[in-house]
Amino acid sequence: MRRFLRENSLSIFFGLLFLGALIGQSIAGHASYNSDQIAHGQPAISLGRYLTSSSFGRAVLENWQSEYLQFMLFMLATVWLLQKGSPESKPLDKPGRESEKDQKLGAHALQSSPGWARAGGLRTAVYSNSLLILMTLIFFGSWAGQSVTGWTDYNDTQREHHEATVSWSGYLGSASFWESTLQNWQSEFLAIGSFSVFAIYLRQRGSPESKPVGVPHESTGIEG
């Protein structure tokens, strides 16, 4: 057990933080939702009912989709785009998908390489892009979920105010949907872009996300 915890401590740490934050969000969101209900002369609801509501689903999924969009675009962009001095960039002489030798594919695979790296054909092509494929599927899935829960929540509010509801396609073209979507996207783009630049000049000793402390600023694609 001790060995398991040590070898999986990073995923366990962030998994626990995620669960703690999600629980905290659900409690705070439930209190805020009921406060708004009471202010508008509507009955309060239970925590269980709130957790299955469109209001909670929208709040969760609009953050998830922006996070996976960040991963998807950063992964794709760093195949070809470079940033001199950043550990988040590949070395300046290695833009693109790289050779099979560099990627240890096919005849260049190691004995310990995953089977699909040696298989060739469609299986190797799929495995070569499997992380991007998964991030893309999660992004579009959570974005679709956000659109449906947001649409339902929006129409619930419209009905409470005795105003006209809108179709799902109408909601997708609304300022309300794009305001909440772009609010999350811009924060993700700012975070990953600024980190890539800050890491050129600043260091965190012992972190693989930083260059070694003594490495020159202009060194590119080097991680600690």
C-alpha atoms as a PDB file:
ATOM      1  CA  MET A   1       0.000   0.000   0.000  1.00  0.00           C
ATOM      2  CA  ARG A   2       2.815   2.401   0.866  1.00  0.00           C
ATOM      3  CA  ARG A   3       4.465   1.727  -2.493  1.00  0.00           C
ATOM      4  CA  PHE A   4       1.164   2.200  -4.323  1.00  0.00           C
ATOM      5  CA  LEU A   5       0.569   5.551  -2.614  1.00  0.00           C
ATOM      6  CA  ARG A   6       4.100   6.722  -3.417  1.00  0.00           C
ATOM      7  CA  GLU A   7       3.917   5.703  -7.075  1.00  0.00           C
ATOM      8  CA  ASN A   8       0.470   7.230  -7.580  1.00  0.00           C
ATOM      9  CA  SER A   9       0.709  10.179  -5.208  1.00  0.00           C
ATOM     10  CA  LEU A  10       0.278  12.852  -7.909  1.00  0.00           C
ATOM     11  CA  SER A  11      -2.999  11.455  -9.267  1.00  0.00           C
ATOM     12  CA  ILE A  12      -4.274  10.684  -5.755  1.00  0.00           C
ATOM     13  CA  PHE A  13      -3.449  14.222  -4.570  1.00  0.00           C
ATOM     14  CA  PHE A  14      -5.294  15.923  -7.416  1.00  0.00           C
ATOM     15  CA  GLY A  15      -8.121  13.385  -7.274  1.00  0.00           C
ATOM     16  CA  LEU A  16      -8.719  14.257  -3.620  1.00  0.00           C
ATOM     17  CA  LEU A  17      -8.498  17.981  -4.358  1.00  0.00           C
ATOM     18  CA  PHE A  18     -11.011  17.518  -7.170  1.00  0.00           C
ATOM     19  CA  LEU A  19     -13.464  15.650  -4.946  1.00  0.00           C
ATOM     20  CA  GLY A  20     -13.060  18.196  -2.152  1.00  0.00           C
ATOM     21  CA  ALA A  21     -13.640  21.119  -4.502  1.00  0.00           C
ATOM     22  CA  LEU A  22     -16.634  19.398  -6.139  1.00  0.00           C
ATOM     23  CA  ILE A  23     -18.222  18.696  -2.766  1.00  0.00           C
ATOM     24  CA  GLY A  24     -17.577  22.275  -1.666  1.00  0.00           C
ATOM     25  CA  GLN A  25     -19.053  23.600  -4.907  1.00  0.00           C
ATOM     26  CA  SER A  26     -22.160  21.451  -4.481  1.00  0.00           C
ATOM     27  CA  ILE A  27     -22.746  22.678  -0.911  1.00  0.00           C
ATOM     28  CA  ALA A  28     -22.122  26.338  -1.726  1.00  0.00           C
ATOM     29  CA  GLY A  29     -24.113  26.118  -4.957  1.00  0.00           C
ATOM     30  CA  HIS A  30     -27.031  24.485  -3.152  1.00  0.00           C
ATOM     31  CA  ALA A  31     -27.097  27.247  -0.552  1.00  0.00           C
ATOM     32  CA  SER A  32     -26.875  29.959  -3.232  1.00  0.00           C
ATOM     33  CA  TYR A  33     -29.584  28.309  -5.344  1.00  0.00           C
ATOM     34  CA  ASN A  34     -32.006  28.040  -2.415  1.00  0.00           C
ATOM     35  CA  SER A  35     -31.283  31.617  -1.377  1.00  0.00           C
ATOM     36  CA  ASP A  36     -32.240  32.748  -4.879  1.00  0.00           C
ATOM     37  CA  GLN A  37     -35.334  30.524  -4.833  1.00  0.00           C
ATOM     38  CA  ILE A  38     -36.550  32.003  -1.552  1.00  0.00           C
ATOM     39  CA  ALA A  39     -35.847  35.562  -2.751  1.00  0.00           C
ATOM     40  CA  HIS A  40     -38.139  34.910  -5.722  1.00  0.00           C
ATOM     41  CA  GLY A  41     -40.880  33.282  -3.658  1.00  0.00           C
ATOM     42  CA  GLN A  42     -40.007  29.745  -4.832  1.00  0.00           C
ATOM     43  CA  PRO A  43     -39.590  26.670  -2.590  1.00  0.00           C
ATOM     44  CA  ALA A  44     -36.131  25.503  -1.556  1.00  0.00           C
ATOM     45  CA  ILE A  45     -34.925  22.109  -2.801  1.00  0.00           C
ATOM     46  CA  SER A  46     -32.904  19.321  -1.221  1.00  0.00           C
ATOM     47  CA  LEU A  47     -29.210  18.796  -1.868  1.00  0.00           C
ATOM     48  CA  GLY A  48     -29.978  15.597  -3.770  1.00  0.00           C
ATOM     49  CA  ARG A  49     -32.411  17.436  -6.042  1.00  0.00           C
ATOM     50  CA  TYR A  50     -29.869  20.199  -6.607  1.00  0.00           C
ATOM     51  CA  LEU A  51     -27.152  17.694  -7.591  1.00  0.00           C
ATOM     52  CA  THR A  52     -29.385  16.385 -10.391  1.00  0.00           C
ATOM     53  CA  SER A  53     -30.464  19.845 -11.517  1.00  0.00           C
ATOM     54  CA  SER A  54     -29.447  21.581 -14.734  1.00  0.00           C
ATOM     55  CA  SER A  55     -28.096  24.471 -12.684  1.00  0.00           C
ATOM     56  CA  PHE A  56     -25.464  22.267 -11.016  1.00  0.00           C
ATOM     57  CA  GLY A  57     -24.714  20.343 -14.214  1.00  0.00           C
ATOM     58  CA  ARG A  58     -24.122  23.537 -16.179  1.00  0.00           C
ATOM     59  CA  ALA A  59     -21.833  24.979 -13.491  1.00  0.00           C
ATOM     60  CA  VAL A  60     -19.691  21.818 -13.489  1.00  0.00           C
ATOM     61  CA  LEU A  61     -19.562  21.079 -17.207  1.00  0.00           C
ATOM     62  CA  GLU A  62     -18.769  24.598 -18.381  1.00  0.00           C
ATOM     63  CA  ASN A  63     -15.510  24.354 -16.438  1.00  0.00           C
ATOM     64  CA  TRP A  64     -14.699  20.807 -17.547  1.00  0.00           C
ATOM     65  CA  GLN A  65     -15.051  21.573 -21.239  1.00  0.00           C
ATOM     66  CA  SER A  66     -12.715  24.566 -21.046  1.00  0.00           C
ATOM     67  CA  GLU A  67     -10.052  22.538 -19.239  1.00  0.00           C
ATOM     68  CA  TYR A  68     -10.076  19.781 -21.847  1.00  0.00           C
ATOM     69  CA  LEU A  69     -10.108  22.356 -24.636  1.00  0.00           C
ATOM     70  CA  GLN A  70      -6.900  23.729 -23.129  1.00  0.00           C
ATOM     71  CA  PHE A  71      -5.269  20.282 -23.086  1.00  0.00           C
ATOM     72  CA  MET A  72      -6.461  19.510 -26.612  1.00  0.00           C
ATOM     73  CA  LEU A  73      -5.198  22.731 -28.187  1.00  0.00           C
ATOM     74  CA  PHE A  74      -1.934  22.844 -26.234  1.00  0.00           C
ATOM     75  CA  MET A  75      -1.130  19.265 -27.177  1.00  0.00           C
ATOM     76  CA  LEU A  76      -1.900  19.941 -30.846  1.00  0.00           C
ATOM     77  CA  ALA A  77      -0.146  23.312 -30.992  1.00  0.00           C
ATOM     78  CA  THR A  78       3.081  22.050 -29.437  1.00  0.00           C
ATOM     79  CA  VAL A  79       3.524  19.529 -32.251  1.00  0.00           C
ATOM     80  CA  TRP A  80       4.451  22.348 -34.629  1.00  0.00           C
ATOM     81  CA  LEU A  81       4.688  25.611 -32.677  1.00  0.00           C
ATOM     82  CA  LEU A  82       7.759  26.536 -30.639  1.00  0.00           C
ATOM     83  CA  GLN A  83       8.663  28.952 -27.865  1.00  0.00           C
ATOM     84  CA  LYS A  84      12.337  29.719 -27.431  1.00  0.00           C
ATOM     85  CA  GLY A  85      13.489  29.157 -23.862  1.00  0.00           C
ATOM     86  CA  SER A  86      10.319  27.443 -22.643  1.00  0.00           C
ATOM     87  CA  PRO A  87      10.326  23.922 -21.162  1.00  0.00           C
ATOM     88  CA  GLU A  88       6.769  23.624 -22.509  1.00  0.00           C
ATOM     89  CA  SER A  89       8.138  23.763 -26.075  1.00  0.00           C
ATOM     90  CA  LYS A  90      10.025  21.115 -28.009  1.00  0.00           C
ATOM     91  CA  PRO A  91      13.643  21.918 -28.948  1.00  0.00           C
ATOM     92  CA  LEU A  92      13.785  24.448 -31.779  1.00  0.00           C
ATOM     93  CA  ASP A  93      15.172  21.891 -34.253  1.00  0.00           C
ATOM     94  CA  LYS A  94      12.332  19.377 -33.734  1.00  0.00           C
ATOM     95  CA  PRO A  95       9.059  20.890 -34.981  1.00  0.00           C
ATOM     96  CA  GLY A  96       6.461  18.548 -36.440  1.00  0.00           C
ATOM     97  CA  ARG A  97       5.485  14.930 -35.828  1.00  0.00           C
ATOM     98  CA  GLU A  98       9.104  13.659 -35.779  1.00  0.00           C
ATOM     99  CA  SER A  99      10.477  10.534 -37.424  1.00  0.00           C
ATOM    100  CA  GLU A 100       9.535   6.946 -36.571  1.00  0.00           C
ATOM    101  CA  LYS A 101      13.019   6.554 -35.116  1.00  0.00           C
ATOM    102  CA  ASP A 102      12.522   9.531 -32.806  1.00  0.00           C
ATOM    103  CA  GLN A 103       9.096   8.255 -31.780  1.00  0.00           C
ATOM    104  CA  LYS A 104      10.248   4.615 -31.443  1.00  0.00           C
ATOM    105  CA  LEU A 105       7.635   3.262 -33.853  1.00  0.00           C
ATOM    106  CA  GLY A 106       7.548   0.120 -35.979  1.00  0.00           C
ATOM    107  CA  ALA A 107      11.036  -1.288 -36.540  1.00  0.00           C
ATOM    108  CA  HIS A 108      12.425   1.316 -34.124  1.00  0.00           C
ATOM    109  CA  ALA A 109      10.180   0.239 -31.238  1.00  0.00           C
ATOM    110  CA  LEU A 110      11.731  -1.125 -28.074  1.00  0.00           C
ATOM    111  CA  GLN A 111      10.898  -4.529 -26.643  1.00  0.00           C
ATOM    112  CA  SER A 112       9.128  -2.726 -23.823  1.00  0.00           C
ATOM    113  CA  SER A 113       7.171  -0.451 -26.202  1.00  0.00           C
ATOM    114  CA  PRO A 114       3.353  -0.739 -26.212  1.00  0.00           C
ATOM    115  CA  GLY A 115       2.122  -3.338 -28.689  1.00  0.00           C
ATOM    116  CA  TRP A 116       0.268  -0.821 -30.838  1.00  0.00           C
ATOM    117  CA  ALA A 117       3.494   1.168 -31.322  1.00  0.00           C
ATOM    118  CA  ARG A 118       4.913  -1.890 -33.098  1.00  0.00           C
ATOM    119  CA  ALA A 119       1.753  -3.041 -34.912  1.00  0.00           C
ATOM    120  CA  GLY A 120       1.827  -0.600 -37.831  1.00  0.00           C
ATOM    121  CA  GLY A 121      -1.115   0.537 -39.945  1.00  0.00           C
ATOM    122  CA  LEU A 122      -4.339   1.874 -38.449  1.00  0.00           C
ATOM    123  CA  ARG A 123      -3.618   0.648 -34.926  1.00  0.00           C
ATOM    124  CA  THR A 124      -0.336   2.576 -34.721  1.00  0.00           C
ATOM    125  CA  ALA A 125      -1.959   5.635 -36.317  1.00  0.00           C
ATOM    126  CA  VAL A 126      -4.749   5.608 -33.742  1.00  0.00           C
ATOM    127  CA  TYR A 127      -2.387   4.974 -30.827  1.00  0.00           C
ATOM    128  CA  SER A 128      -0.065   7.746 -32.073  1.00  0.00           C
ATOM    129  CA  ASN A 129      -2.933  10.220 -31.605  1.00  0.00           C
ATOM    130  CA  SER A 130      -4.856   8.478 -28.820  1.00  0.00           C
ATOM    131  CA  LEU A 131      -4.305  11.134 -26.152  1.00  0.00           C
ATOM    132  CA  LEU A 132      -5.493  13.912 -28.457  1.00  0.00           C
ATOM    133  CA  ILE A 133      -8.490  11.803 -29.519  1.00  0.00           C
ATOM    134  CA  LEU A 134      -9.514  11.222 -25.900  1.00  0.00           C
ATOM    135  CA  MET A 135      -9.112  14.891 -24.925  1.00  0.00           C
ATOM    136  CA  THR A 136     -11.159  15.917 -27.964  1.00  0.00           C
ATOM    137  CA  LEU A 137     -13.970  13.469 -27.172  1.00  0.00           C
ATOM    138  CA  ILE A 138     -14.143  14.615 -23.547  1.00  0.00           C
ATOM    139  CA  PHE A 139     -14.137  18.267 -24.634  1.00  0.00           C
ATOM    140  CA  PHE A 140     -16.980  17.895 -27.117  1.00  0.00           C
ATOM    141  CA  GLY A 141     -18.900  15.606 -24.759  1.00  0.00           C
ATOM    142  CA  SER A 142     -18.698  18.030 -21.835  1.00  0.00           C
ATOM    143  CA  TRP A 143     -19.429  21.008 -24.115  1.00  0.00           C
ATOM    144  CA  ALA A 144     -22.543  19.238 -25.414  1.00  0.00           C
ATOM    145  CA  GLY A 145     -23.534  18.496 -21.816  1.00  0.00           C
ATOM    146  CA  GLN A 146     -22.992  22.143 -20.902  1.00  0.00           C
ATOM    147  CA  SER A 147     -25.179  23.281 -23.782  1.00  0.00           C
ATOM    148  CA  VAL A 148     -28.068  20.976 -22.793  1.00  0.00           C
ATOM    149  CA  THR A 149     -27.946  21.751 -19.058  1.00  0.00           C
ATOM    150  CA  GLY A 150     -27.444  25.449 -19.763  1.00  0.00           C
ATOM    151  CA  TRP A 151     -30.405  25.437 -22.145  1.00  0.00           C
ATOM    152  CA  THR A 152     -32.636  23.715 -19.588  1.00  0.00           C
ATOM    153  CA  ASP A 153     -31.521  26.068 -16.826  1.00  0.00           C
ATOM    154  CA  TYR A 154     -32.061  29.095 -19.073  1.00  0.00           C
ATOM    155  CA  ASN A 155     -35.597  28.007 -19.968  1.00  0.00           C
ATOM    156  CA  ASP A 156     -36.411  27.326 -16.308  1.00  0.00           C
ATOM    157  CA  THR A 157     -35.444  30.914 -15.527  1.00  0.00           C
ATOM    158  CA  GLN A 158     -37.466  32.185 -18.487  1.00  0.00           C
ATOM    159  CA  ARG A 159     -40.552  30.326 -17.258  1.00  0.00           C
ATOM    160  CA  GLU A 160     -40.123  31.674 -13.732  1.00  0.00           C
ATOM    161  CA  HIS A 161     -40.185  35.190 -15.168  1.00  0.00           C
ATOM    162  CA  HIS A 162     -43.117  34.353 -17.479  1.00  0.00           C
ATOM    163  CA  GLU A 163     -40.998  34.917 -20.555  1.00  0.00           C
ATOM    164  CA  ALA A 164     -40.684  32.915 -23.770  1.00  0.00           C
ATOM    165  CA  THR A 165     -38.468  29.837 -23.821  1.00  0.00           C
ATOM    166  CA  VAL A 166     -36.003  29.111 -26.626  1.00  0.00           C
ATOM    167  CA  SER A 167     -35.048  26.038 -28.632  1.00  0.00           C
ATOM    168  CA  TRP A 168     -31.714  24.297 -28.072  1.00  0.00           C
ATOM    169  CA  SER A 169     -30.351  25.707 -31.341  1.00  0.00           C
ATOM    170  CA  GLY A 170     -31.616  29.126 -30.330  1.00  0.00           C
ATOM    171  CA  TYR A 171     -29.789  28.868 -27.009  1.00  0.00           C
ATOM    172  CA  LEU A 172     -26.561  27.864 -28.810  1.00  0.00           C
ATOM    173  CA  GLY A 173     -26.700  31.147 -30.702  1.00  0.00           C
ATOM    174  CA  SER A 174     -27.522  33.226 -27.643  1.00  0.00           C
ATOM    175  CA  ALA A 175     -25.282  35.746 -25.919  1.00  0.00           C
ATOM    176  CA  SER A 176     -25.881  33.914 -22.609  1.00  0.00           C
ATOM    177  CA  PHE A 177     -24.333  30.678 -23.887  1.00  0.00           C
ATOM    178  CA  TRP A 178     -21.320  32.304 -25.499  1.00  0.00           C
ATOM    179  CA  GLU A 179     -20.684  34.672 -22.591  1.00  0.00           C
ATOM    180  CA  SER A 180     -20.293  31.758 -20.169  1.00  0.00           C
ATOM    181  CA  THR A 181     -18.324  29.709 -22.715  1.00  0.00           C
ATOM    182  CA  LEU A 182     -15.828  32.406 -23.717  1.00  0.00           C
ATOM    183  CA  GLN A 183     -15.425  33.489 -20.086  1.00  0.00           C
ATOM    184  CA  ASN A 184     -13.931  30.066 -19.371  1.00  0.00           C
ATOM    185  CA  TRP A 185     -11.950  29.771 -22.604  1.00  0.00           C
ATOM    186  CA  GLN A 186     -10.092  33.051 -22.234  1.00  0.00           C
ATOM    187  CA  SER A 187      -8.932  32.160 -18.721  1.00  0.00           C
ATOM    188  CA  GLU A 188      -7.534  28.824 -19.945  1.00  0.00           C
ATOM    189  CA  PHE A 189      -5.717  30.420 -22.888  1.00  0.00           C
ATOM    190  CA  LEU A 190      -4.243  33.073 -20.595  1.00  0.00           C
ATOM    191  CA  ALA A 191      -3.084  30.484 -18.045  1.00  0.00           C
ATOM    192  CA  ILE A 192      -1.283  28.152 -20.462  1.00  0.00           C
ATOM    193  CA  GLY A 193       0.178  30.967 -22.576  1.00  0.00           C
ATOM    194  CA  SER A 194       1.512  32.920 -19.606  1.00  0.00           C
ATOM    195  CA  PHE A 195       2.928  29.781 -17.957  1.00  0.00           C
ATOM    196  CA  SER A 196       4.850  28.931 -21.134  1.00  0.00           C
ATOM    197  CA  VAL A 197       6.460  32.389 -21.062  1.00  0.00           C
ATOM    198  CA  PHE A 198       7.007  32.652 -17.292  1.00  0.00           C
ATOM    199  CA  ALA A 199       8.823  29.290 -17.356  1.00  0.00           C
ATOM    200  CA  ILE A 200      11.458  30.785 -19.662  1.00  0.00           C
ATOM    201  CA  TYR A 201      12.795  33.002 -16.877  1.00  0.00           C
ATOM    202  CA  LEU A 202      11.471  31.600 -13.608  1.00  0.00           C
ATOM    203  CA  ARG A 203      12.237  28.260 -11.938  1.00  0.00           C
ATOM    204  CA  GLN A 204      10.829  25.792  -9.445  1.00  0.00           C
ATOM    205  CA  ARG A 205      13.518  23.524  -8.124  1.00  0.00           C
ATOM    206  CA  GLY A 206      12.639  19.849  -8.428  1.00  0.00           C
ATOM    207  CA  SER A 207       9.567  20.298 -10.654  1.00  0.00           C
ATOM    208  CA  PRO A 208       9.483  18.613 -14.086  1.00  0.00           C
ATOM    209  CA  GLU A 209       7.389  21.566 -15.276  1.00  0.00           C
ATOM    210  CA  SER A 210      10.407  23.855 -14.755  1.00  0.00           C
ATOM    211  CA  LYS A 211      13.868  23.889 -16.247  1.00  0.00           C
ATOM    212  CA  PRO A 212      16.712  23.051 -13.831  1.00  0.00           C
ATOM    213  CA  VAL A 213      17.543  26.145 -11.816  1.00  0.00           C
ATOM    214  CA  GLY A 214      20.964  26.694 -13.398  1.00  0.00           C
ATOM    215  CA  VAL A 215      19.953  26.208 -17.042  1.00  0.00           C
ATOM    216  CA  PRO A 216      20.229  29.362 -19.220  1.00  0.00           C
ATOM    217  CA  HIS A 217      17.027  31.217 -20.112  1.00  0.00           C
ATOM    218  CA  GLU A 218      17.375  30.514 -23.833  1.00  0.00           C
ATOM    219  CA  SER A 219      17.492  26.707 -23.371  1.00  0.00           C
ATOM    220  CA  THR A 220      14.383  25.247 -25.000  1.00  0.00           C
ATOM    221  CA  GLY A 221      12.560  21.980 -24.415  1.00  0.00           C
ATOM    222  CA  ILE A 222      14.530  21.106 -21.266  1.00  0.00           C
ATOM    223  CA  GLU A 223      12.642  20.029 -18.163  1.00  0.00           C
ATOM    224  CA  GLY A 224      13.899  19.325 -14.679  1.00  0.00           C
END
